[in-house]
Protein backbone atom coordinates (compact mmCIF):
# COMPACT_ATOMS: atom_id res chain seq x y z
CA MET A 1 -37.65 28.28 -37.54
CA PRO A 2 -39.67 26.34 -35.00
CA VAL A 3 -39.10 27.25 -31.42
CA LEU A 4 -40.55 23.86 -30.05
CA ARG A 5 -38.62 20.48 -30.98
CA GLU A 6 -40.79 17.49 -31.29
CA THR A 7 -39.30 14.71 -29.15
CA GLU A 8 -39.49 10.86 -29.44
CA PHE A 9 -41.71 10.87 -26.36
CA THR A 10 -45.30 10.13 -26.41
CA GLY A 11 -47.77 9.67 -23.44
CA GLU A 12 -50.76 7.49 -23.63
CA ILE A 13 -53.82 8.86 -21.68
CA VAL A 14 -54.82 6.12 -19.43
CA TRP A 15 -57.23 8.08 -17.05
CA MET A 16 -59.13 11.27 -17.49
CA GLY A 17 -61.18 13.09 -14.82
CA GLN A 18 -63.14 16.36 -14.31
CA VAL A 19 -63.60 18.17 -11.06
CA PRO A 20 -66.97 19.71 -10.71
CA ALA A 21 -66.99 23.40 -10.12
CA GLY A 22 -67.73 24.57 -6.46
CA GLU A 23 -67.02 21.11 -4.96
CA GLY A 24 -63.88 19.53 -3.37
CA LEU A 25 -61.03 18.23 -5.05
CA ALA A 26 -61.87 14.96 -6.10
CA ALA A 27 -62.31 14.30 -9.68
CA ILE A 28 -65.15 12.23 -11.67
CA PRO A 29 -63.78 9.83 -14.21
CA GLN A 30 -64.39 10.46 -17.72
CA GLN A 31 -63.83 8.64 -20.92
CA ALA A 32 -63.37 11.72 -23.19
CA LEU A 33 -62.90 15.52 -22.56
CA ASN A 34 -63.70 18.55 -24.65
CA LEU A 35 -61.26 21.24 -24.22
CA GLY A 36 -61.94 24.84 -24.97
CA PHE A 37 -59.56 27.96 -24.47
CA ASP A 38 -60.96 28.17 -20.84
CA GLY A 39 -60.10 24.46 -20.14
CA ILE A 40 -62.83 21.90 -19.21
CA ALA A 41 -66.36 23.50 -19.19
CA GLY A 42 -67.93 23.36 -15.75
CA GLU A 43 -64.71 22.30 -14.09
CA ARG A 44 -63.31 23.86 -10.90
CA HIS A 45 -60.20 25.22 -12.69
CA GLU A 46 -62.13 26.57 -15.61
CA GLY A 47 -61.49 30.02 -17.02
CA SER A 48 -58.87 32.26 -18.68
CA LEU A 49 -58.30 34.07 -15.54
CA ARG A 50 -57.92 33.12 -11.77
CA SER A 51 -57.44 34.42 -8.50
CA SER A 52 -53.80 34.16 -7.33
CA CYS A 53 -53.09 31.60 -4.55
CA VAL A 54 -50.09 30.76 -2.20
CA ARG A 55 -48.13 29.42 -5.23
CA VAL A 56 -47.34 32.93 -6.52
CA LYS A 57 -47.67 34.93 -3.11
CA ASN A 58 -44.19 36.32 -3.86
CA LEU A 59 -45.35 38.02 -6.85
CA TYR A 60 -49.05 39.14 -5.95
CA PRO A 61 -51.31 39.41 -3.00
CA THR A 62 -53.71 36.43 -2.63
CA GLY A 63 -56.74 36.90 -4.58
CA THR A 64 -55.11 39.11 -7.22
CA GLU A 65 -56.62 38.23 -10.83
CA ILE A 66 -53.98 36.59 -12.94
CA ARG A 67 -53.79 34.44 -16.20
CA ASN A 68 -55.16 30.86 -15.40
CA VAL A 69 -52.28 28.58 -16.21
CA ARG A 70 -53.47 26.05 -13.84
CA GLN A 71 -56.47 24.85 -16.15
CA LEU A 72 -55.64 21.08 -15.99
CA THR A 73 -53.49 18.81 -13.65
CA ILE A 74 -51.65 16.26 -15.49
CA LEU A 75 -49.97 13.16 -13.79
CA SER A 76 -47.82 10.41 -14.74
CA GLU A 77 -48.81 6.70 -14.13
CA GLU A 78 -45.34 5.65 -13.30
CA GLU A 79 -44.98 8.28 -10.82
CA LEU A 80 -48.35 7.59 -9.11
CA ALA A 81 -46.98 3.93 -8.66
CA LEU A 82 -44.04 5.22 -6.78
CA ILE A 83 -46.06 7.68 -4.72
CA ALA A 84 -48.41 4.54 -3.81
CA THR A 85 -45.24 2.29 -2.98
CA ASP A 86 -43.73 5.06 -0.66
CA MET A 87 -47.04 5.54 1.07
CA GLY A 88 -47.66 1.80 1.68
CA LEU A 89 -50.86 1.53 -0.59
CA GLU A 90 -51.44 -0.68 -3.48
CA GLN A 91 -52.32 2.16 -5.75
CA ILE A 92 -53.39 5.91 -5.78
CA ASP A 93 -56.92 6.67 -7.46
CA PRO A 94 -56.12 9.89 -9.52
CA ALA A 95 -59.47 10.99 -8.68
CA TRP A 96 -58.13 11.78 -4.98
CA LEU A 97 -55.54 14.08 -6.76
CA GLY A 98 -58.16 16.30 -8.76
CA ALA A 99 -56.33 14.74 -12.04
CA SER A 100 -57.46 15.97 -15.41
CA LEU A 101 -55.33 13.40 -17.19
CA VAL A 102 -52.94 10.61 -16.35
CA LEU A 103 -50.39 9.67 -18.83
CA ARG A 104 -48.17 6.57 -19.28
CA GLY A 105 -44.88 6.49 -21.01
CA ILE A 106 -43.11 9.84 -20.49
CA PRO A 107 -40.08 9.44 -18.19
CA ASP A 108 -39.21 12.01 -15.64
CA PHE A 109 -42.68 13.72 -16.40
CA THR A 110 -42.98 16.08 -13.39
CA PHE A 111 -39.75 17.76 -14.72
CA ILE A 112 -40.66 18.21 -18.44
CA PRO A 113 -39.77 21.77 -19.12
CA PRO A 114 -42.10 24.74 -18.70
CA SER A 115 -43.67 25.84 -22.13
CA SER A 116 -43.33 22.28 -23.42
CA ARG A 117 -46.51 21.09 -25.40
CA LEU A 118 -48.35 18.02 -25.32
CA GLN A 119 -50.07 17.52 -28.57
CA GLY A 120 -52.98 15.05 -29.15
CA PRO A 121 -53.91 13.28 -32.45
CA ASP A 122 -56.43 15.81 -33.56
CA GLY A 123 -54.04 18.85 -32.76
CA THR A 124 -55.39 19.67 -29.25
CA THR A 125 -52.45 21.24 -27.55
CA LEU A 126 -51.71 21.61 -23.95
CA THR A 127 -49.11 24.11 -22.69
CA VAL A 128 -47.01 23.12 -19.94
CA ASP A 129 -46.98 25.62 -16.89
CA MET A 130 -44.91 23.83 -14.28
CA GLU A 131 -44.45 21.28 -11.83
CA ASN A 132 -47.50 20.98 -9.44
CA ARG A 133 -45.87 20.91 -6.05
CA PRO A 134 -47.60 18.63 -3.55
CA CYS A 135 -50.01 20.05 -1.24
CA VAL A 136 -52.32 18.75 1.81
CA LEU A 137 -55.47 18.65 -0.21
CA PRO A 138 -55.21 15.27 -1.83
CA GLY A 139 -54.16 14.03 1.45
CA ARG A 140 -57.67 14.96 2.75
CA GLU A 141 -59.36 12.95 -0.15
CA ILE A 142 -56.86 10.00 0.54
CA GLU A 143 -57.59 10.00 4.18
CA LYS A 144 -61.52 9.65 3.46
CA ASP A 145 -60.79 6.27 1.96
CA HIS A 146 -57.57 5.10 3.66
CA GLY A 147 -57.63 6.58 7.37
CA GLY A 148 -53.91 7.35 8.54
CA TYR A 149 -52.47 7.47 5.06
CA GLY A 150 -53.41 11.06 4.03
CA ALA A 151 -50.47 12.75 5.75
CA LYS A 152 -48.32 10.58 3.82
CA PHE A 153 -49.13 11.98 0.65
CA LYS A 154 -47.31 15.13 0.55
CA PRO A 155 -43.56 13.87 1.37
CA ALA A 156 -44.05 10.69 -0.94
CA ALA A 157 -45.40 13.09 -3.91
CA LYS A 158 -42.46 15.22 -3.58
CA ASN A 159 -40.91 15.45 -7.23
CA ARG A 160 -43.83 13.24 -8.56
CA ARG A 161 -46.93 15.54 -8.44
CA GLY A 162 -47.01 16.01 -12.19
CA ILE A 163 -47.60 19.53 -13.94
CA THR A 164 -50.02 22.03 -14.52
CA ALA A 165 -51.14 23.06 -17.95
CA TRP A 166 -53.44 25.32 -20.03
CA VAL A 167 -55.02 24.91 -23.27
CA GLU A 168 -53.35 26.42 -26.29
CA ARG A 169 -55.48 24.74 -29.13
CA PRO A 170 -58.84 23.46 -28.15
CA GLY A 171 -60.00 19.98 -29.18
CA ARG A 172 -61.11 16.67 -27.89
CA LEU A 173 -59.06 14.04 -25.80
CA SER A 174 -60.02 10.44 -25.23
CA ILE A 175 -58.85 7.59 -23.20
CA GLY A 176 -56.02 5.80 -25.49
CA ASP A 177 -54.95 9.22 -27.08
CA ALA A 178 -51.25 9.60 -27.36
CA LEU A 179 -49.94 13.23 -26.55
CA THR A 180 -46.61 13.94 -28.19
CA VAL A 181 -44.17 15.98 -26.22
CA PHE A 182 -42.63 19.17 -27.96
CA VAL A 183 -39.92 20.94 -25.93
CA PRO A 184 -38.51 24.55 -26.08
CA ASP A 185 -35.47 24.49 -28.36
CA GLN A 186 -33.14 26.40 -26.18
CA ARG A 187 -30.18 25.95 -24.01
CA ALA A 188 -30.65 25.73 -20.25
CA TRP A 189 -30.63 29.00 -18.35
CA ALA A 190 -26.98 29.66 -17.31
CA PRO A 191 -26.73 33.19 -15.46
């Protein structure tokens, strides 16, 4: 019996980017990405392992080697538009946020359940880690192009920052591809 249920929801890839290793947060737009088990080759978040950060400080001392479930940052086009409106900007460039993918068409995207899968047309499959909470780093990138707006990012992005994910099945994704959402087939936790 399958433990992941296919939904009627698909997200069209409308933007792709790669954040070069050893540099800042800004992503370089791409037309296609080859994804391996370690994520995107040469990318800032590439690798099967990573050093723990503030997001898991209640579990591990900062710098502890852990599994890398943050290989990709995936955002919603619709949620980016809401962030821009709340900030008073015409639009948010996904490159400022270090985005790997921007999808169109999945409602309430930031809150799709952890362990959901996003599967591409060739079988490339991404596993959702969890919500990617807003931080100050994208604000610094925004501030470079729009002085006085950087500090507005974090509050505007609350509940709209997208998700982090890791590659479960390698493959190639391109602009225009549709990713189908599969969710865990289980009831909500009710302790």
